[in-house]
Amino acid sequence: MGIATVRDALRYLVYATPSPADRTVLRLTKVLYLVDWRSAWGRGYSLTPCAWHFDRFGPTAPEIWDTVCHDPAWKVQPRGRIMLTADARPATPTVTAVDAAWMDRVLAEAAGWTWADLVAAVWATYPIRTGQRGTALPLTALARACRQARADPGWH
């Protein structure tokens, strides 16, 4: 399991994503998936405790929707854009510097990506390339399998 809570990871991603247009639930779900996958590959564990699942649109985690839709600190705006309410904004990030660095790497790479680029990056990852729709995505176990198979983890 990871270190950061889903709430704290999402909060960090919202603050670190400069464009409000890029702060949609769907986009942040895909970014957080890439963060978790890269953490599982590089550190041996996911950054968050998300229970990732491969549905027809790619990876999803119910914890993300639960956090965004049921936590009063969040507001979902038209077109799925999310923001924190004013009283929920911490003065400092609530994730460790190491976890922030993992998220910053993915955000820096994804900053210039269109939606199609982001989707392509997600679908190029080993868990999605080799997985089956409707199944769980245990990222830590899949990272071990990917290394054992000496397969391409699937990022640039």
N, C-alpha and C. Protein backbone atom coordinates (compact mmCIF):
# COMPACT_ATOMS: atom_id res chain seq x y z
N MET A 1 0.83 -1.18 0.00
CA MET A 1 0.00 0.00 0.00
C MET A 1 0.87 1.25 0.00
N GLY A 2 0.27 2.32 -0.41
CA GLY A 2 1.01 3.55 -0.53
C GLY A 2 1.10 4.34 0.75
N ILE A 3 1.69 5.49 0.61
CA ILE A 3 1.91 6.38 1.74
C ILE A 3 0.83 7.46 1.78
N ALA A 4 0.58 8.09 0.68
CA ALA A 4 -0.34 9.23 0.64
C ALA A 4 -1.79 8.76 0.62
N THR A 5 -2.65 9.49 1.30
CA THR A 5 -4.08 9.19 1.18
C THR A 5 -4.54 9.68 -0.19
N VAL A 6 -5.65 9.13 -0.65
CA VAL A 6 -6.20 9.56 -1.93
C VAL A 6 -6.55 11.05 -1.86
N ARG A 7 -7.13 11.45 -0.76
CA ARG A 7 -7.52 12.85 -0.58
C ARG A 7 -6.30 13.77 -0.67
N ASP A 8 -5.22 13.42 0.02
CA ASP A 8 -4.03 14.27 0.00
C ASP A 8 -3.37 14.28 -1.37
N ALA A 9 -3.33 13.13 -2.04
CA ALA A 9 -2.74 13.08 -3.38
C ALA A 9 -3.55 13.92 -4.36
N LEU A 10 -4.87 13.79 -4.31
CA LEU A 10 -5.71 14.61 -5.19
C LEU A 10 -5.57 16.08 -4.88
N ARG A 11 -5.53 16.39 -3.61
CA ARG A 11 -5.37 17.79 -3.20
C ARG A 11 -4.06 18.35 -3.78
N TYR A 12 -2.99 17.60 -3.66
CA TYR A 12 -1.71 18.04 -4.20
C TYR A 12 -1.80 18.22 -5.72
N LEU A 13 -2.40 17.25 -6.40
CA LEU A 13 -2.50 17.35 -7.86
C LEU A 13 -3.32 18.56 -8.29
N VAL A 14 -4.39 18.86 -7.57
CA VAL A 14 -5.20 20.03 -7.90
C VAL A 14 -4.37 21.30 -7.76
N TYR A 15 -3.64 21.42 -6.67
CA TYR A 15 -2.82 22.62 -6.46
C TYR A 15 -1.66 22.72 -7.45
N ALA A 16 -1.13 21.58 -7.84
CA ALA A 16 0.04 21.58 -8.72
C ALA A 16 -0.34 21.66 -10.20
N THR A 17 -1.61 21.55 -10.52
CA THR A 17 -2.07 21.63 -11.91
C THR A 17 -2.50 23.06 -12.18
N PRO A 18 -1.72 23.81 -12.96
CA PRO A 18 -1.98 25.24 -13.12
C PRO A 18 -3.28 25.57 -13.86
N SER A 19 -3.64 24.78 -14.84
CA SER A 19 -4.81 25.12 -15.65
C SER A 19 -6.08 24.49 -15.08
N PRO A 20 -7.09 25.30 -14.76
CA PRO A 20 -8.35 24.73 -14.28
C PRO A 20 -8.96 23.73 -15.26
N ALA A 21 -8.71 23.92 -16.54
CA ALA A 21 -9.24 22.99 -17.54
C ALA A 21 -8.66 21.59 -17.39
N ASP A 22 -7.47 21.49 -16.79
CA ASP A 22 -6.83 20.19 -16.59
C ASP A 22 -7.17 19.56 -15.24
N ARG A 23 -8.03 20.21 -14.47
CA ARG A 23 -8.40 19.70 -13.15
C ARG A 23 -9.73 18.97 -13.19
N THR A 24 -9.92 18.15 -14.19
CA THR A 24 -11.15 17.37 -14.26
C THR A 24 -10.94 16.05 -13.52
N VAL A 25 -12.05 15.48 -13.07
CA VAL A 25 -11.98 14.21 -12.37
C VAL A 25 -11.35 13.14 -13.27
N LEU A 26 -11.75 13.10 -14.52
CA LEU A 26 -11.21 12.07 -15.42
C LEU A 26 -9.72 12.25 -15.66
N ARG A 27 -9.31 13.47 -15.92
CA ARG A 27 -7.88 13.70 -16.18
C ARG A 27 -7.05 13.39 -14.94
N LEU A 28 -7.49 13.86 -13.77
CA LEU A 28 -6.73 13.60 -12.55
C LEU A 28 -6.72 12.12 -12.18
N THR A 29 -7.78 11.40 -12.54
CA THR A 29 -7.78 9.95 -12.33
C THR A 29 -6.68 9.30 -13.16
N LYS A 30 -6.57 9.70 -14.40
CA LYS A 30 -5.53 9.12 -15.26
C LYS A 30 -4.13 9.53 -14.80
N VAL A 31 -3.97 10.77 -14.39
CA VAL A 31 -2.67 11.22 -13.88
C VAL A 31 -2.31 10.46 -12.61
N LEU A 32 -3.27 10.31 -11.70
CA LEU A 32 -2.99 9.58 -10.46
C LEU A 32 -2.69 8.12 -10.74
N TYR A 33 -3.34 7.53 -11.73
CA TYR A 33 -2.99 6.16 -12.14
C TYR A 33 -1.53 6.10 -12.58
N LEU A 34 -1.11 7.05 -13.43
CA LEU A 34 0.29 7.06 -13.88
C LEU A 34 1.25 7.24 -12.71
N VAL A 35 0.88 8.08 -11.76
CA VAL A 35 1.71 8.28 -10.57
C VAL A 35 1.82 6.96 -9.80
N ASP A 36 0.69 6.31 -9.55
CA ASP A 36 0.71 5.05 -8.81
C ASP A 36 1.49 3.97 -9.56
N TRP A 37 1.29 3.90 -10.87
CA TRP A 37 2.01 2.88 -11.65
C TRP A 37 3.52 3.14 -11.62
N ARG A 38 3.93 4.35 -11.82
CA ARG A 38 5.36 4.66 -11.80
C ARG A 38 5.96 4.45 -10.41
N SER A 39 5.20 4.76 -9.38
CA SER A 39 5.66 4.51 -8.02
C SER A 39 5.80 3.01 -7.78
N ALA A 40 4.82 2.24 -8.22
CA ALA A 40 4.88 0.78 -8.05
C ALA A 40 6.10 0.22 -8.78
N TRP A 41 6.35 0.74 -9.95
CA TRP A 41 7.51 0.28 -10.74
C TRP A 41 8.83 0.72 -10.10
N GLY A 42 8.90 1.97 -9.72
CA GLY A 42 10.17 2.52 -9.24
C GLY A 42 10.47 2.28 -7.77
N ARG A 43 9.42 2.23 -6.92
CA ARG A 43 9.64 2.08 -5.48
C ARG A 43 9.16 0.74 -4.93
N GLY A 44 8.40 0.02 -5.73
CA GLY A 44 7.90 -1.26 -5.26
C GLY A 44 6.55 -1.17 -4.57
N TYR A 45 5.94 0.01 -4.56
CA TYR A 45 4.61 0.18 -3.99
C TYR A 45 3.97 1.42 -4.60
N SER A 46 2.64 1.40 -4.64
CA SER A 46 1.89 2.54 -5.17
C SER A 46 1.95 3.70 -4.20
N LEU A 47 1.81 4.88 -4.73
CA LEU A 47 1.81 6.07 -3.88
C LEU A 47 0.54 6.14 -3.04
N THR A 48 -0.59 5.73 -3.59
CA THR A 48 -1.86 5.77 -2.86
C THR A 48 -2.38 4.35 -2.62
N PRO A 49 -3.36 4.21 -1.74
CA PRO A 49 -3.97 2.90 -1.52
C PRO A 49 -5.12 2.60 -2.48
N CYS A 50 -5.18 3.29 -3.61
CA CYS A 50 -6.27 3.07 -4.57
C CYS A 50 -6.34 1.61 -5.00
N ALA A 51 -7.55 1.11 -5.06
CA ALA A 51 -7.81 -0.24 -5.58
C ALA A 51 -8.16 -0.06 -7.07
N TRP A 52 -7.14 -0.03 -7.90
CA TRP A 52 -7.33 0.23 -9.32
C TRP A 52 -8.04 -0.94 -9.99
N HIS A 53 -8.88 -0.58 -10.95
CA HIS A 53 -9.68 -1.56 -11.68
C HIS A 53 -9.66 -1.15 -13.15
N PHE A 54 -9.61 -2.13 -14.04
CA PHE A 54 -9.58 -1.88 -15.48
C PHE A 54 -11.01 -1.97 -16.00
N ASP A 55 -11.63 -0.82 -16.26
CA ASP A 55 -12.97 -0.84 -16.84
C ASP A 55 -12.87 -0.52 -18.33
N ARG A 56 -13.99 -0.32 -18.96
CA ARG A 56 -13.96 -0.15 -20.42
C ARG A 56 -13.26 1.12 -20.87
N PHE A 57 -13.07 2.09 -19.96
CA PHE A 57 -12.40 3.33 -20.32
C PHE A 57 -10.97 3.40 -19.81
N GLY A 58 -10.48 2.31 -19.24
CA GLY A 58 -9.13 2.30 -18.71
C GLY A 58 -9.15 2.15 -17.20
N PRO A 59 -8.08 2.58 -16.54
CA PRO A 59 -8.02 2.40 -15.09
C PRO A 59 -8.94 3.36 -14.33
N THR A 60 -9.55 2.85 -13.32
CA THR A 60 -10.41 3.67 -12.46
C THR A 60 -10.26 3.17 -11.02
N ALA A 61 -10.55 4.03 -10.10
CA ALA A 61 -10.48 3.67 -8.68
C ALA A 61 -11.66 4.31 -7.98
N PRO A 62 -12.50 3.52 -7.33
CA PRO A 62 -13.68 4.10 -6.68
C PRO A 62 -13.33 5.11 -5.59
N GLU A 63 -12.16 4.98 -5.01
CA GLU A 63 -11.74 5.91 -3.95
C GLU A 63 -11.66 7.35 -4.46
N ILE A 64 -11.31 7.52 -5.73
CA ILE A 64 -11.21 8.87 -6.29
C ILE A 64 -12.58 9.52 -6.36
N TRP A 65 -13.55 8.80 -6.92
CA TRP A 65 -14.90 9.33 -7.02
C TRP A 65 -15.50 9.55 -5.63
N ASP A 66 -15.26 8.59 -4.73
CA ASP A 66 -15.77 8.75 -3.36
C ASP A 66 -15.22 10.01 -2.71
N THR A 67 -13.93 10.24 -2.89
CA THR A 67 -13.29 11.42 -2.30
C THR A 67 -13.86 12.70 -2.89
N VAL A 68 -13.93 12.77 -4.18
CA VAL A 68 -14.35 14.00 -4.85
C VAL A 68 -15.84 14.27 -4.69
N CYS A 69 -16.65 13.23 -4.72
CA CYS A 69 -18.10 13.42 -4.70
C CYS A 69 -18.72 13.47 -3.31
N HIS A 70 -18.07 12.87 -2.33
CA HIS A 70 -18.69 12.77 -1.01
C HIS A 70 -17.99 13.55 0.08
N ASP A 71 -16.85 14.10 -0.21
CA ASP A 71 -16.11 14.88 0.78
C ASP A 71 -16.51 16.34 0.62
N PRO A 72 -16.99 17.00 1.68
CA PRO A 72 -17.44 18.39 1.55
C PRO A 72 -16.32 19.37 1.21
N ALA A 73 -15.07 18.93 1.28
CA ALA A 73 -13.97 19.82 0.93
C ALA A 73 -13.86 20.02 -0.58
N TRP A 74 -14.57 19.21 -1.36
CA TRP A 74 -14.46 19.26 -2.81
C TRP A 74 -15.74 19.79 -3.44
N LYS A 75 -15.56 20.46 -4.56
CA LYS A 75 -16.69 20.88 -5.39
C LYS A 75 -16.44 20.35 -6.79
N VAL A 76 -17.45 19.73 -7.36
CA VAL A 76 -17.37 19.30 -8.75
C VAL A 76 -18.15 20.34 -9.55
N GLN A 77 -17.47 20.98 -10.46
CA GLN A 77 -18.06 22.03 -11.28
C GLN A 77 -18.49 21.45 -12.62
N PRO A 78 -19.14 22.25 -13.45
CA PRO A 78 -19.52 21.76 -14.78
C PRO A 78 -18.32 21.19 -15.53
N ARG A 79 -18.60 20.19 -16.34
CA ARG A 79 -17.59 19.49 -17.13
C ARG A 79 -16.61 18.70 -16.26
N GLY A 80 -16.99 18.41 -15.04
CA GLY A 80 -16.18 17.57 -14.18
C GLY A 80 -14.97 18.23 -13.56
N ARG A 81 -14.84 19.55 -13.70
CA ARG A 81 -13.71 20.23 -13.08
C ARG A 81 -13.88 20.19 -11.58
N ILE A 82 -12.77 19.99 -10.88
CA ILE A 82 -12.86 19.91 -9.43
C ILE A 82 -12.03 21.00 -8.79
N MET A 83 -12.47 21.39 -7.61
CA MET A 83 -11.73 22.38 -6.85
C MET A 83 -11.98 22.11 -5.37
N LEU A 84 -11.10 22.63 -4.56
CA LEU A 84 -11.27 22.53 -3.12
C LEU A 84 -12.02 23.76 -2.63
N THR A 85 -12.84 23.57 -1.62
CA THR A 85 -13.50 24.72 -1.03
C THR A 85 -12.45 25.55 -0.29
N ALA A 86 -12.72 26.81 -0.10
CA ALA A 86 -11.73 27.73 0.48
C ALA A 86 -11.25 27.27 1.85
N ASP A 87 -12.14 26.74 2.68
CA ASP A 87 -11.73 26.35 4.03
C ASP A 87 -10.95 25.04 4.07
N ALA A 88 -10.86 24.34 2.94
CA ALA A 88 -10.14 23.07 2.90
C ALA A 88 -8.71 23.21 2.39
N ARG A 89 -8.30 24.41 2.07
CA ARG A 89 -6.97 24.61 1.49
C ARG A 89 -5.92 24.66 2.58
N PRO A 90 -5.00 23.69 2.57
CA PRO A 90 -3.94 23.72 3.58
C PRO A 90 -2.88 24.75 3.24
N ALA A 91 -2.19 25.23 4.24
CA ALA A 91 -1.13 26.20 4.03
C ALA A 91 0.08 25.54 3.37
N THR A 92 0.30 24.29 3.66
CA THR A 92 1.41 23.54 3.08
C THR A 92 0.89 22.21 2.55
N PRO A 93 1.59 21.61 1.59
CA PRO A 93 1.15 20.32 1.08
C PRO A 93 1.13 19.27 2.19
N THR A 94 0.19 18.35 2.08
CA THR A 94 0.06 17.31 3.09
C THR A 94 0.64 15.98 2.64
N VAL A 95 1.46 16.00 1.63
CA VAL A 95 2.17 14.80 1.18
C VAL A 95 3.65 14.99 1.46
N THR A 96 4.37 13.90 1.53
CA THR A 96 5.81 14.00 1.78
C THR A 96 6.51 14.60 0.55
N ALA A 97 7.70 15.09 0.76
CA ALA A 97 8.47 15.65 -0.35
C ALA A 97 8.76 14.59 -1.40
N VAL A 98 8.98 13.36 -0.96
CA VAL A 98 9.26 12.27 -1.91
C VAL A 98 8.02 11.98 -2.75
N ASP A 99 6.86 11.90 -2.09
CA ASP A 99 5.63 11.66 -2.84
C ASP A 99 5.33 12.83 -3.78
N ALA A 100 5.55 14.04 -3.33
CA ALA A 100 5.35 15.21 -4.18
C ALA A 100 6.25 15.15 -5.41
N ALA A 101 7.48 14.70 -5.23
CA ALA A 101 8.41 14.60 -6.36
C ALA A 101 7.91 13.58 -7.39
N TRP A 102 7.35 12.46 -6.92
CA TRP A 102 6.79 11.47 -7.86
C TRP A 102 5.63 12.08 -8.64
N MET A 103 4.77 12.81 -7.97
CA MET A 103 3.65 13.44 -8.66
C MET A 103 4.13 14.54 -9.59
N ASP A 104 5.12 15.32 -9.16
CA ASP A 104 5.64 16.41 -9.99
C ASP A 104 6.23 15.88 -11.30
N ARG A 105 6.90 14.73 -11.24
CA ARG A 105 7.48 14.16 -12.47
C ARG A 105 6.39 13.86 -13.50
N VAL A 106 5.33 13.24 -13.05
CA VAL A 106 4.24 12.91 -13.96
C VAL A 106 3.56 14.18 -14.45
N LEU A 107 3.30 15.11 -13.55
CA LEU A 107 2.66 16.37 -13.95
C LEU A 107 3.50 17.14 -14.95
N ALA A 108 4.81 17.16 -14.76
CA ALA A 108 5.68 17.88 -15.69
C ALA A 108 5.61 17.26 -17.09
N GLU A 109 5.60 15.95 -17.14
CA GLU A 109 5.53 15.29 -18.43
C GLU A 109 4.15 15.49 -19.08
N ALA A 110 3.10 15.40 -18.28
CA ALA A 110 1.74 15.49 -18.81
C ALA A 110 1.30 16.92 -19.08
N ALA A 111 2.08 17.91 -18.66
CA ALA A 111 1.67 19.31 -18.79
C ALA A 111 1.36 19.70 -20.23
N GLY A 112 2.10 19.21 -21.17
CA GLY A 112 1.87 19.58 -22.57
C GLY A 112 1.01 18.59 -23.33
N TRP A 113 0.49 17.59 -22.64
CA TRP A 113 -0.29 16.57 -23.31
C TRP A 113 -1.73 17.00 -23.56
N THR A 114 -2.22 16.64 -24.72
CA THR A 114 -3.65 16.75 -24.98
C THR A 114 -4.33 15.58 -24.28
N TRP A 115 -5.65 15.59 -24.28
CA TRP A 115 -6.40 14.46 -23.72
C TRP A 115 -6.00 13.16 -24.42
N ALA A 116 -5.86 13.21 -25.74
CA ALA A 116 -5.48 12.01 -26.51
C ALA A 116 -4.09 11.52 -26.10
N ASP A 117 -3.17 12.45 -25.86
CA ASP A 117 -1.82 12.06 -25.43
C ASP A 117 -1.86 11.36 -24.07
N LEU A 118 -2.66 11.90 -23.15
CA LEU A 118 -2.77 11.31 -21.82
C LEU A 118 -3.38 9.92 -21.90
N VAL A 119 -4.44 9.79 -22.66
CA VAL A 119 -5.08 8.48 -22.83
C VAL A 119 -4.09 7.49 -23.45
N ALA A 120 -3.35 7.93 -24.46
CA ALA A 120 -2.36 7.05 -25.09
C ALA A 120 -1.28 6.61 -24.10
N ALA A 121 -0.83 7.53 -23.25
CA ALA A 121 0.19 7.18 -22.25
C ALA A 121 -0.35 6.15 -21.26
N VAL A 122 -1.59 6.33 -20.85
CA VAL A 122 -2.21 5.37 -19.92
C VAL A 122 -2.35 4.00 -20.57
N TRP A 123 -2.86 3.98 -21.79
CA TRP A 123 -3.09 2.71 -22.48
C TRP A 123 -1.79 2.04 -22.91
N ALA A 124 -0.69 2.76 -22.90
CA ALA A 124 0.61 2.16 -23.23
C ALA A 124 1.26 1.48 -22.03
N THR A 125 0.71 1.67 -20.84
CA THR A 125 1.33 1.08 -19.65
C THR A 125 1.13 -0.43 -19.63
N TYR A 126 2.08 -1.11 -19.03
CA TYR A 126 2.06 -2.58 -18.95
C TYR A 126 0.75 -3.12 -18.37
N PRO A 127 0.25 -2.58 -17.25
CA PRO A 127 -0.99 -3.15 -16.70
C PRO A 127 -2.17 -3.09 -17.65
N ILE A 128 -2.27 -2.02 -18.42
CA ILE A 128 -3.38 -1.88 -19.35
C ILE A 128 -3.13 -2.69 -20.62
N ARG A 129 -1.90 -2.66 -21.12
CA ARG A 129 -1.58 -3.44 -22.33
C ARG A 129 -1.82 -4.93 -22.12
N THR A 130 -1.49 -5.42 -20.94
CA THR A 130 -1.56 -6.87 -20.70
C THR A 130 -2.79 -7.30 -19.91
N GLY A 131 -3.55 -6.33 -19.37
CA GLY A 131 -4.70 -6.67 -18.54
C GLY A 131 -5.95 -6.93 -19.35
N GLN A 132 -6.97 -7.34 -18.64
CA GLN A 132 -8.27 -7.58 -19.25
C GLN A 132 -9.29 -6.66 -18.60
N ARG A 133 -10.17 -6.13 -19.42
CA ARG A 133 -11.23 -5.27 -18.88
C ARG A 133 -12.05 -6.04 -17.85
N GLY A 134 -12.46 -5.33 -16.81
CA GLY A 134 -13.26 -5.94 -15.78
C GLY A 134 -12.46 -6.60 -14.67
N THR A 135 -11.13 -6.41 -14.69
CA THR A 135 -10.29 -7.04 -13.68
C THR A 135 -9.60 -5.99 -12.80
N ALA A 136 -9.14 -6.46 -11.66
CA ALA A 136 -8.38 -5.60 -10.75
C ALA A 136 -7.00 -5.34 -11.34
N LEU A 137 -6.41 -4.22 -10.95
CA LEU A 137 -5.06 -3.86 -11.38
C LEU A 137 -4.18 -3.71 -10.14
N PRO A 138 -3.67 -4.83 -9.61
CA PRO A 138 -2.77 -4.75 -8.45
C PRO A 138 -1.40 -4.25 -8.93
N LEU A 139 -1.20 -2.95 -8.88
CA LEU A 139 -0.03 -2.34 -9.53
C LEU A 139 1.30 -2.85 -9.01
N THR A 140 1.41 -3.10 -7.72
CA THR A 140 2.68 -3.58 -7.17
C THR A 140 3.01 -4.95 -7.75
N ALA A 141 2.05 -5.85 -7.77
CA ALA A 141 2.27 -7.19 -8.33
C ALA A 141 2.54 -7.11 -9.83
N LEU A 142 1.83 -6.23 -10.51
CA LEU A 142 2.06 -6.07 -11.95
C LEU A 142 3.43 -5.47 -12.25
N ALA A 143 3.91 -4.60 -11.40
CA ALA A 143 5.27 -4.04 -11.58
C ALA A 143 6.30 -5.16 -11.44
N ARG A 144 6.12 -6.03 -10.45
CA ARG A 144 7.04 -7.17 -10.31
C ARG A 144 6.99 -8.07 -11.54
N ALA A 145 5.80 -8.37 -12.03
CA ALA A 145 5.65 -9.21 -13.21
C ALA A 145 6.28 -8.56 -14.43
N CYS A 146 6.11 -7.27 -14.56
CA CYS A 146 6.69 -6.52 -15.68
C CYS A 146 8.22 -6.61 -15.65
N ARG A 147 8.79 -6.42 -14.47
CA ARG A 147 10.26 -6.52 -14.34
C ARG A 147 10.74 -7.94 -14.62
N GLN A 148 10.04 -8.94 -14.09
CA GLN A 148 10.43 -10.33 -14.32
C GLN A 148 10.36 -10.69 -15.79
N ALA A 149 9.39 -10.17 -16.49
CA ALA A 149 9.24 -10.43 -17.92
C ALA A 149 10.15 -9.55 -18.75
N ARG A 150 10.82 -8.60 -18.09
CA ARG A 150 11.66 -7.62 -18.78
C ARG A 150 10.88 -6.91 -19.87
N ALA A 151 9.65 -6.60 -19.53
CA ALA A 151 8.75 -5.93 -20.47
C ALA A 151 8.88 -4.42 -20.33
N ASP A 152 8.43 -3.73 -21.34
CA ASP A 152 8.41 -2.28 -21.34
C ASP A 152 7.33 -1.82 -20.36
N PRO A 153 7.68 -0.99 -19.34
CA PRO A 153 6.66 -0.53 -18.40
C PRO A 153 5.63 0.39 -19.05
N GLY A 154 6.02 1.02 -20.16
CA GLY A 154 5.05 1.78 -20.93
C GLY A 154 5.00 3.26 -20.67
N TRP A 155 6.09 3.90 -20.51
CA TRP A 155 6.07 5.36 -20.48
C TRP A 155 7.28 5.87 -21.22
N HIS A 156 7.22 7.13 -21.58
CA HIS A 156 8.25 7.76 -22.42
C HIS A 156 9.55 7.89 -21.67
